[in-house]
Amino acid sequence: MKTINRTVGGVFREVGQAAAQIGRAFTRALSRMSWPALLASCIMMALLLTILPLALTLFAIFLLLKIAIALIAGHHASKHVHENKEH
């Protein structure tokens, strides 16, 4: 009977083989690219690695800021409603 449980070493070996295969495919693709295509791909990769994280970070900051402002405004509005009921 074949076991379905693999050892940790077997999993790491499989991951290493997959990474090596991806690396070989990447080097083959790079060696076949022309210089202008290589330059364009490097520029696109640089833009993705710098601008995309910046945009996501700014989005998260402004979203948290919006939530904080809404919570503060809601707290003040409920406070004013409560004060008006007392008078």
C-alpha atoms as a PDB file:
ATOM      1  CA  MET A   1       0.000   0.000   0.000  1.00  0.00           C
ATOM      2  CA  LYS A   2       1.299   3.446  -0.938  1.00  0.00           C
ATOM      3  CA  THR A   3       1.495   6.024   1.825  1.00  0.00           C
ATOM      4  CA  ILE A   4       0.062   9.490   1.253  1.00  0.00           C
ATOM      5  CA  ASN A   5       2.127  11.104   3.991  1.00  0.00           C
ATOM      6  CA  ARG A   6       5.402  12.525   2.721  1.00  0.00           C
ATOM      7  CA  THR A   7       8.408  13.450   4.770  1.00  0.00           C
ATOM      8  CA  VAL A   8       9.457  17.046   5.219  1.00  0.00           C
ATOM      9  CA  GLY A   9      12.642  16.325   3.302  1.00  0.00           C
ATOM     10  CA  GLY A  10      10.634  15.009   0.363  1.00  0.00           C
ATOM     11  CA  VAL A  11       8.508  18.137   0.290  1.00  0.00           C
ATOM     12  CA  PHE A  12      11.595  20.373   0.392  1.00  0.00           C
ATOM     13  CA  ARG A  13      13.214  18.312  -2.356  1.00  0.00           C
ATOM     14  CA  GLU A  14      10.123  18.740  -4.543  1.00  0.00           C
ATOM     15  CA  VAL A  15      10.030  22.491  -3.872  1.00  0.00           C
ATOM     16  CA  GLY A  16      13.725  22.737  -4.745  1.00  0.00           C
ATOM     17  CA  GLN A  17      13.219  20.865  -8.004  1.00  0.00           C
ATOM     18  CA  ALA A  18      10.286  23.116  -8.925  1.00  0.00           C
ATOM     19  CA  ALA A  19      12.322  26.242  -8.129  1.00  0.00           C
ATOM     20  CA  ALA A  20      15.228  24.964 -10.232  1.00  0.00           C
ATOM     21  CA  GLN A  21      12.873  24.254 -13.133  1.00  0.00           C
ATOM     22  CA  ILE A  22      11.399  27.763 -12.894  1.00  0.00           C
ATOM     23  CA  GLY A  23      14.915  29.223 -12.759  1.00  0.00           C
ATOM     24  CA  ARG A  24      15.980  27.321 -15.878  1.00  0.00           C
ATOM     25  CA  ALA A  25      12.865  28.481 -17.747  1.00  0.00           C
ATOM     26  CA  PHE A  26      13.527  32.063 -16.628  1.00  0.00           C
ATOM     27  CA  THR A  27      17.146  31.997 -17.820  1.00  0.00           C
ATOM     28  CA  ARG A  28      16.082  30.511 -21.167  1.00  0.00           C
ATOM     29  CA  ALA A  29      13.507  33.285 -21.598  1.00  0.00           C
ATOM     30  CA  LEU A  30      16.080  35.952 -20.710  1.00  0.00           C
ATOM     31  CA  SER A  31      18.639  34.570 -23.140  1.00  0.00           C
ATOM     32  CA  ARG A  32      16.101  34.656 -25.985  1.00  0.00           C
ATOM     33  CA  MET A  33      14.987  38.254 -25.359  1.00  0.00           C
ATOM     34  CA  SER A  34      16.324  41.137 -27.411  1.00  0.00           C
ATOM     35  CA  TRP A  35      17.973  44.072 -25.645  1.00  0.00           C
ATOM     36  CA  PRO A  36      14.967  46.421 -26.102  1.00  0.00           C
ATOM     37  CA  ALA A  37      12.570  43.747 -24.834  1.00  0.00           C
ATOM     38  CA  LEU A  38      14.846  43.099 -21.862  1.00  0.00           C
ATOM     39  CA  LEU A  39      14.973  46.828 -21.089  1.00  0.00           C
ATOM     40  CA  ALA A  40      11.180  47.132 -21.339  1.00  0.00           C
ATOM     41  CA  SER A  41      10.642  44.132 -19.077  1.00  0.00           C
ATOM     42  CA  CYS A  42      13.096  45.531 -16.511  1.00  0.00           C
ATOM     43  CA  ILE A  43      11.304  48.893 -16.529  1.00  0.00           C
ATOM     44  CA  MET A  44       7.912  47.225 -16.136  1.00  0.00           C
ATOM     45  CA  MET A  45       9.198  45.048 -13.291  1.00  0.00           C
ATOM     46  CA  ALA A  46      10.693  48.096 -11.559  1.00  0.00           C
ATOM     47  CA  LEU A  47       7.394  49.956 -11.872  1.00  0.00           C
ATOM     48  CA  LEU A  48       5.464  47.007 -10.477  1.00  0.00           C
ATOM     49  CA  LEU A  49       7.860  46.552  -7.578  1.00  0.00           C
ATOM     50  CA  THR A  50       7.862  50.242  -6.598  1.00  0.00           C
ATOM     51  CA  ILE A  51       4.539  51.801  -7.549  1.00  0.00           C
ATOM     52  CA  LEU A  52       2.168  48.937  -6.758  1.00  0.00           C
ATOM     53  CA  PRO A  53       3.231  48.575  -3.090  1.00  0.00           C
ATOM     54  CA  LEU A  54       3.113  52.357  -2.715  1.00  0.00           C
ATOM     55  CA  ALA A  55      -0.424  52.489  -4.114  1.00  0.00           C
ATOM     56  CA  LEU A  56      -1.584  49.643  -1.872  1.00  0.00           C
ATOM     57  CA  THR A  57       0.001  51.246   1.189  1.00  0.00           C
ATOM     58  CA  LEU A  58      -1.585  54.619   0.478  1.00  0.00           C
ATOM     59  CA  PHE A  59      -4.942  52.924  -0.084  1.00  0.00           C
ATOM     60  CA  ALA A  60      -4.709  51.166   3.279  1.00  0.00           C
ATOM     61  CA  ILE A  61      -3.664  54.376   5.061  1.00  0.00           C
ATOM     62  CA  PHE A  62      -6.503  56.431   3.593  1.00  0.00           C
ATOM     63  CA  LEU A  63      -9.010  53.660   4.275  1.00  0.00           C
ATOM     64  CA  LEU A  64      -7.952  53.488   7.929  1.00  0.00           C
ATOM     65  CA  LEU A  65      -8.068  57.284   8.122  1.00  0.00           C
ATOM     66  CA  LYS A  66     -11.591  57.303   6.695  1.00  0.00           C
ATOM     67  CA  ILE A  67     -12.728  54.675   9.203  1.00  0.00           C
ATOM     68  CA  ALA A  68     -11.163  56.614  12.088  1.00  0.00           C
ATOM     69  CA  ILE A  69     -12.846  59.854  10.993  1.00  0.00           C
ATOM     70  CA  ALA A  70     -16.193  58.085  10.635  1.00  0.00           C
ATOM     71  CA  LEU A  71     -15.849  56.613  14.139  1.00  0.00           C
ATOM     72  CA  ILE A  72     -14.952  59.982  15.646  1.00  0.00           C
ATOM     73  CA  ALA A  73     -17.756  61.775  13.788  1.00  0.00           C
ATOM     74  CA  GLY A  74     -20.244  59.090  14.821  1.00  0.00           C
ATOM     75  CA  HIS A  75     -19.135  59.365  18.445  1.00  0.00           C
ATOM     76  CA  HIS A  76     -19.551  63.161  18.410  1.00  0.00           C
ATOM     77  CA  ALA A  77     -22.955  62.916  16.715  1.00  0.00           C
ATOM     78  CA  SER A  78     -24.246  60.427  19.273  1.00  0.00           C
ATOM     79  CA  LYS A  79     -22.833  62.584  22.069  1.00  0.00           C
ATOM     80  CA  HIS A  80     -24.742  65.650  20.772  1.00  0.00           C
ATOM     81  CA  VAL A  81     -27.964  63.661  20.426  1.00  0.00           C
ATOM     82  CA  HIS A  82     -27.576  62.414  23.999  1.00  0.00           C
ATOM     83  CA  GLU A  83     -26.944  65.977  25.298  1.00  0.00           C
ATOM     84  CA  ASN A  84     -30.029  67.330  23.474  1.00  0.00           C
ATOM     85  CA  LYS A  85     -32.256  64.674  25.060  1.00  0.00           C
ATOM     86  CA  GLU A  86     -31.144  65.707  28.558  1.00  0.00           C
ATOM     87  CA  HIS A  87     -32.304  69.320  28.082  1.00  0.00           C
END
